[in-house]
């Protein structure tokens, strides 16, 4: 569990780096790192925008030989990821200053979803497949 603080991103990425394996293609690893950073930053800036600093964000990483699953669980209000991505696709030129992170995640991920859990939390699921070199 990580507190709602952008300064915690260094800690998140440091823990993430401990999972790195020599068999993971470098490009894929860097894309996973970017996806984790973007997902965590979005949870802090958007999902937890009006919540106390102490509100936890849970990060669950599952590494296997062919992919990495990143789950970022927040306590914010529901969010329509698919609707946002469709809207972003229709307004690409108007998103110069913000709103580009989720479309980037969509390009990186083999699977991207944001769902409401039974306990009134949300889960951003990012699955990145590794490519064989």
Protein backbone atom coordinates (compact mmCIF):
# COMPACT_ATOMS: atom_id res chain seq x y z
CA UNK A 1 0.00 0.00 0.00
CA UNK A 2 1.28 3.40 -1.00
CA UNK A 3 0.01 6.77 0.21
CA UNK A 4 -1.63 9.23 -2.15
CA UNK A 5 1.51 11.20 -2.90
CA UNK A 6 3.31 11.81 -6.19
CA UNK A 7 6.58 11.78 -4.26
CA UNK A 8 5.98 8.06 -3.62
CA UNK A 9 6.53 7.34 -7.33
CA UNK A 10 10.28 6.91 -6.73
CA UNK A 11 9.50 4.27 -4.09
CA UNK A 12 7.03 2.53 -6.43
CA UNK A 13 9.56 2.41 -9.27
CA UNK A 14 12.36 1.29 -6.96
CA UNK A 15 10.29 -1.68 -5.78
CA UNK A 16 9.30 -2.40 -9.36
CA UNK A 17 12.94 -2.53 -10.47
CA UNK A 18 13.53 -5.41 -8.07
CA UNK A 19 11.32 -7.60 -10.28
CA UNK A 20 13.41 -7.06 -13.40
CA UNK A 21 14.78 -10.25 -14.95
CA UNK A 22 17.49 -10.63 -17.59
CA UNK A 23 15.12 -12.51 -19.92
CA UNK A 24 12.63 -9.64 -20.15
CA UNK A 25 13.24 -7.60 -23.33
CA UNK A 26 14.53 -4.13 -22.37
CA UNK A 27 11.93 -2.30 -24.46
CA UNK A 28 9.09 -4.25 -22.83
CA UNK A 29 10.50 -3.59 -19.36
CA UNK A 30 10.69 0.16 -20.02
CA UNK A 31 7.12 0.14 -21.32
CA UNK A 32 5.99 -1.66 -18.15
CA UNK A 33 7.79 0.93 -16.07
CA UNK A 34 6.06 3.72 -17.99
CA UNK A 35 2.68 2.02 -17.60
CA UNK A 36 3.16 1.65 -13.84
CA UNK A 37 4.27 5.27 -13.46
CA UNK A 38 1.35 6.54 -15.54
CA UNK A 39 -1.20 4.39 -13.72
CA UNK A 40 0.05 5.41 -10.27
CA UNK A 41 0.22 9.07 -11.23
CA UNK A 42 -3.36 8.95 -12.56
CA UNK A 43 -4.56 7.35 -9.32
CA UNK A 44 -2.97 10.15 -7.28
CA UNK A 45 -3.96 13.05 -9.53
CA UNK A 46 -7.43 11.96 -10.59
CA UNK A 47 -8.94 9.08 -8.59
CA UNK A 48 -7.68 10.42 -5.25
CA UNK A 49 -7.88 14.10 -6.18
CA UNK A 50 -10.14 15.02 -3.25
CA UNK A 51 -9.08 12.30 -0.82
CA UNK A 52 -6.72 12.57 2.17
CA UNK A 53 -2.99 11.99 1.71
CA UNK A 54 -3.24 8.85 3.88
CA UNK A 55 -5.68 7.18 1.48
CA UNK A 56 -3.85 4.07 0.25
CA UNK A 57 -3.25 3.00 -3.32
CA UNK A 58 -2.62 -0.70 -3.70
CA UNK A 59 -0.25 -1.98 -6.37
CA UNK A 60 -0.16 -5.65 -7.26
CA UNK A 61 2.36 -6.97 -9.80
CA UNK A 62 2.26 -10.47 -11.25
CA UNK A 63 5.24 -11.44 -13.39
CA UNK A 64 5.31 -14.58 -15.49
CA UNK A 65 7.44 -15.75 -18.38
CA UNK A 66 5.31 -14.12 -21.08
CA UNK A 67 3.76 -11.06 -19.46
CA UNK A 68 3.44 -8.68 -16.56
CA UNK A 69 0.10 -7.87 -14.94
CA UNK A 70 -0.11 -4.55 -13.13
CA UNK A 71 -3.11 -3.86 -10.90
CA UNK A 72 -3.48 -0.43 -9.37
CA UNK A 73 -6.35 -0.26 -6.90
CA UNK A 74 -7.70 3.13 -5.84
CA UNK A 75 -10.50 4.44 -3.64
CA UNK A 76 -11.83 7.07 -6.02
CA UNK A 77 -15.17 7.40 -7.75
CA UNK A 78 -16.04 5.19 -10.74
CA UNK A 79 -14.51 6.20 -14.07
CA UNK A 80 -15.50 5.24 -17.61
CA UNK A 81 -12.17 4.29 -19.17
CA UNK A 82 -13.64 3.08 -22.45
CA UNK A 83 -15.68 6.27 -22.84
CA UNK A 84 -12.63 8.39 -22.08
CA UNK A 85 -10.47 6.53 -24.59
CA UNK A 86 -13.14 6.86 -27.29
CA UNK A 87 -13.47 10.58 -26.58
CA UNK A 88 -9.66 10.96 -26.61
CA UNK A 89 -9.52 9.25 -29.99
CA UNK A 90 -12.00 11.78 -31.36
CA UNK A 91 -10.16 14.80 -29.89
CA UNK A 92 -6.47 13.96 -30.29
CA UNK A 93 -5.42 17.48 -31.30
CA UNK A 94 -7.10 19.07 -28.29
CA UNK A 95 -5.24 16.90 -25.76
CA UNK A 96 -1.84 18.56 -26.02
CA UNK A 97 -1.50 19.44 -22.32
CA UNK A 98 -3.21 16.52 -20.58
CA UNK A 99 -5.16 13.36 -21.13
CA UNK A 100 -2.51 11.56 -23.18
CA UNK A 101 -1.47 9.04 -20.52
CA UNK A 102 -4.37 6.64 -20.88
CA UNK A 103 -4.11 6.47 -24.69
CA UNK A 104 -0.40 5.71 -24.23
CA UNK A 105 -1.31 2.91 -21.81
CA UNK A 106 -3.76 1.58 -24.37
CA UNK A 107 -0.96 1.37 -26.95
CA UNK A 108 1.47 -0.33 -24.55
CA UNK A 109 -0.93 -2.87 -23.08
CA UNK A 110 -2.22 -6.11 -24.53
CA UNK A 111 -5.16 -5.56 -22.16
CA UNK A 112 -6.27 -2.39 -20.36
CA UNK A 113 -9.35 -2.11 -18.16
CA UNK A 114 -10.66 -0.09 -15.24
CA UNK A 115 -13.39 -1.73 -13.23
CA UNK A 116 -15.35 -1.11 -10.07
CA UNK A 117 -14.76 -3.75 -7.39
CA UNK A 118 -17.32 -5.02 -4.89
CA UNK A 119 -15.66 -3.10 -2.03
CA UNK A 120 -16.19 0.28 -3.78
CA UNK A 121 -12.61 0.44 -4.98
CA UNK A 122 -11.45 0.58 -8.60
CA UNK A 123 -8.87 -1.58 -10.33
CA UNK A 124 -6.79 -0.45 -13.26
CA UNK A 125 -5.52 -3.62 -14.92
CA UNK A 126 -2.65 -3.37 -17.36
CA UNK A 127 -1.34 -6.54 -18.99
CA UNK A 128 1.85 -6.19 -21.02
CA UNK A 129 2.96 -9.16 -23.11
CA UNK A 130 6.67 -9.67 -23.65
CA UNK A 131 7.94 -10.05 -27.18
CA UNK A 132 10.59 -12.61 -27.99
CA UNK A 133 13.79 -11.17 -29.37
